[in-house]
Amino acid sequence: MPIINVKTTEIACPTSAGAGTSFTNATLVRLVNTAASGTNHVVTLQESAGGTGVGTFTIPGQGVEYLEKDPTWTVFASSAAIKGTKVGFTN
C-alpha cells in the first residue's frame, strides 16, 4: 500500500475559473468532498486560471480522488466543500 507524502496545507478549492489553483504547481492532488453523502460536486481542470478547460469530473459526497495533472494546470470546483492538497506517494 502506498504512503501519502503531504506537501502543502489542505485548502478549499476556488469556486470560479479565474481563481483556479495549481496547488503550488502540484502534479498530484488529493481531493475530498466534505459534503454529506449524496451531495455531488464537480471539479474542473483547466490549462491556467481562467484558461482553456481540460476536463471535469464529479466527486460524490464524502468521496476522495487523486488527480494527476501538469504542474501549471489549475483546478476549481462547484463548491468550497471540495478540499485539496498537493501530495506524492512513497513506497
C-alpha atoms as a PDB file:
ATOM      1  CA  MET A   1       0.000   0.000   0.000  1.00  0.00           C
ATOM      2  CA  PRO A   2       1.476   3.390  -0.971  1.00  0.00           C
ATOM      3  CA  ILE A   3       2.048   6.003   1.706  1.00  0.00           C
ATOM      4  CA  ILE A   4       0.872   9.583   1.109  1.00  0.00           C
ATOM      5  CA  ASN A   5       3.524  12.285   1.319  1.00  0.00           C
ATOM      6  CA  VAL A   6       1.650  15.524   2.148  1.00  0.00           C
ATOM      7  CA  LYS A   7       3.434  18.536   0.639  1.00  0.00           C
ATOM      8  CA  THR A   8       1.148  21.511   1.422  1.00  0.00           C
ATOM      9  CA  THR A   9      -1.712  22.531   3.701  1.00  0.00           C
ATOM     10  CA  GLU A  10      -5.176  21.483   2.554  1.00  0.00           C
ATOM     11  CA  ILE A  11      -7.312  24.325   1.177  1.00  0.00           C
ATOM     12  CA  ALA A  12     -10.864  24.755  -0.066  1.00  0.00           C
ATOM     13  CA  CYS A  13     -10.925  24.702  -3.857  1.00  0.00           C
ATOM     14  CA  PRO A  14     -11.705  28.017  -5.504  1.00  0.00           C
ATOM     15  CA  THR A  15     -15.198  28.139  -6.993  1.00  0.00           C
ATOM     16  CA  SER A  16     -14.564  30.172 -10.148  1.00  0.00           C
ATOM     17  CA  ALA A  17     -12.430  29.603 -13.243  1.00  0.00           C
ATOM     18  CA  GLY A  18     -10.372  32.773 -12.817  1.00  0.00           C
ATOM     19  CA  ALA A  19      -9.426  31.829  -9.256  1.00  0.00           C
ATOM     20  CA  GLY A  20      -8.312  28.263 -10.084  1.00  0.00           C
ATOM     21  CA  THR A  21      -5.282  26.963  -8.184  1.00  0.00           C
ATOM     22  CA  SER A  22      -2.341  24.828  -9.272  1.00  0.00           C
ATOM     23  CA  PHE A  23      -1.817  23.710  -5.654  1.00  0.00           C
ATOM     24  CA  THR A  24       1.749  25.080  -5.742  1.00  0.00           C
ATOM     25  CA  ASN A  25       2.473  23.527  -9.151  1.00  0.00           C
ATOM     26  CA  ALA A  26       1.406  20.078  -7.972  1.00  0.00           C
ATOM     27  CA  THR A  27       1.472  17.090 -10.291  1.00  0.00           C
ATOM     28  CA  LEU A  28      -0.643  15.021  -7.880  1.00  0.00           C
ATOM     29  CA  VAL A  29      -3.515  16.432  -5.805  1.00  0.00           C
ATOM     30  CA  ARG A  30      -5.663  14.671  -3.201  1.00  0.00           C
ATOM     31  CA  LEU A  31      -9.238  15.980  -3.390  1.00  0.00           C
ATOM     32  CA  VAL A  32     -12.007  15.268  -0.878  1.00  0.00           C
ATOM     33  CA  ASN A  33     -15.681  16.208  -0.972  1.00  0.00           C
ATOM     34  CA  THR A  34     -16.546  17.125   2.628  1.00  0.00           C
ATOM     35  CA  ALA A  35     -20.266  17.431   1.845  1.00  0.00           C
ATOM     36  CA  ALA A  36     -22.757  14.845   3.065  1.00  0.00           C
ATOM     37  CA  SER A  37     -23.163  11.549   1.233  1.00  0.00           C
ATOM     38  CA  GLY A  38     -25.323  12.061  -1.837  1.00  0.00           C
ATOM     39  CA  THR A  39     -24.094  15.647  -2.352  1.00  0.00           C
ATOM     40  CA  ASN A  40     -22.036  15.545  -5.539  1.00  0.00           C
ATOM     41  CA  HIS A  41     -19.733  18.362  -6.682  1.00  0.00           C
ATOM     42  CA  VAL A  42     -17.948  18.912  -9.999  1.00  0.00           C
ATOM     43  CA  VAL A  43     -14.203  19.540 -10.252  1.00  0.00           C
ATOM     44  CA  THR A  44     -12.857  21.356 -13.321  1.00  0.00           C
ATOM     45  CA  LEU A  45      -9.291  21.149 -14.600  1.00  0.00           C
ATOM     46  CA  GLN A  46      -8.009  23.952 -16.844  1.00  0.00           C
ATOM     47  CA  GLU A  47      -4.711  24.833 -18.536  1.00  0.00           C
ATOM     48  CA  SER A  48      -4.400  28.037 -16.476  1.00  0.00           C
ATOM     49  CA  ALA A  49      -6.602  30.117 -14.169  1.00  0.00           C
ATOM     50  CA  GLY A  50      -9.499  31.174 -16.405  1.00  0.00           C
ATOM     51  CA  GLY A  51      -7.880  29.360 -19.351  1.00  0.00           C
ATOM     52  CA  THR A  52      -8.877  26.530 -21.630  1.00  0.00           C
ATOM     53  CA  GLY A  53     -10.742  23.702 -19.925  1.00  0.00           C
ATOM     54  CA  VAL A  54      -9.082  20.289 -19.906  1.00  0.00           C
ATOM     55  CA  GLY A  55     -11.939  18.310 -18.363  1.00  0.00           C
ATOM     56  CA  THR A  56     -14.338  17.800 -15.485  1.00  0.00           C
ATOM     57  CA  PHE A  57     -15.309  15.020 -13.106  1.00  0.00           C
ATOM     58  CA  THR A  58     -17.695  14.572 -10.181  1.00  0.00           C
ATOM     59  CA  ILE A  59     -16.715  13.659  -6.635  1.00  0.00           C
ATOM     60  CA  PRO A  60     -19.588  12.169  -4.615  1.00  0.00           C
ATOM     61  CA  GLY A  61     -20.224  13.364  -1.069  1.00  0.00           C
ATOM     62  CA  GLN A  62     -17.543  12.035   1.311  1.00  0.00           C
ATOM     63  CA  GLY A  63     -15.554  10.819  -1.710  1.00  0.00           C
ATOM     64  CA  VAL A  64     -11.783  11.084  -2.204  1.00  0.00           C
ATOM     65  CA  GLU A  65      -9.980  11.244  -5.560  1.00  0.00           C
ATOM     66  CA  TYR A  66      -6.355  11.653  -6.610  1.00  0.00           C
ATOM     67  CA  LEU A  67      -5.801  13.916  -9.616  1.00  0.00           C
ATOM     68  CA  GLU A  68      -2.625  13.682 -11.698  1.00  0.00           C
ATOM     69  CA  LYS A  69      -2.065  16.863 -13.709  1.00  0.00           C
ATOM     70  CA  ASP A  70       0.519  19.102 -15.358  1.00  0.00           C
ATOM     71  CA  PRO A  71       2.182  21.409 -12.810  1.00  0.00           C
ATOM     72  CA  THR A  72       0.743  24.630 -14.269  1.00  0.00           C
ATOM     73  CA  TRP A  73      -2.806  23.343 -14.774  1.00  0.00           C
ATOM     74  CA  THR A  74      -5.327  24.735 -12.309  1.00  0.00           C
ATOM     75  CA  VAL A  75      -8.354  23.354 -10.503  1.00  0.00           C
ATOM     76  CA  PHE A  76     -11.635  24.842  -9.337  1.00  0.00           C
ATOM     77  CA  ALA A  77     -14.818  23.212  -8.032  1.00  0.00           C
ATOM     78  CA  SER A  78     -18.558  23.809  -7.924  1.00  0.00           C
ATOM     79  CA  SER A  79     -18.369  24.120  -4.121  1.00  0.00           C
ATOM     80  CA  ALA A  80     -15.809  25.030  -1.462  1.00  0.00           C
ATOM     81  CA  ALA A  81     -16.772  21.679   0.120  1.00  0.00           C
ATOM     82  CA  ILE A  82     -14.102  20.273  -2.201  1.00  0.00           C
ATOM     83  CA  LYS A  83     -10.775  20.488  -0.397  1.00  0.00           C
ATOM     84  CA  GLY A  84      -7.392  19.685  -1.884  1.00  0.00           C
ATOM     85  CA  THR A  85      -3.716  19.379  -1.114  1.00  0.00           C
ATOM     86  CA  LYS A  86      -0.519  18.656  -3.037  1.00  0.00           C
ATOM     87  CA  VAL A  87       0.655  15.111  -2.352  1.00  0.00           C
ATOM     88  CA  GLY A  88       3.060  12.469  -3.536  1.00  0.00           C
ATOM     89  CA  PHE A  89       3.298   8.720  -2.977  1.00  0.00           C
ATOM     90  CA  THR A  90       6.194   6.879  -1.367  1.00  0.00           C
ATOM     91  CA  ASN A  91       6.840   3.157  -1.003  1.00  0.00           C
END
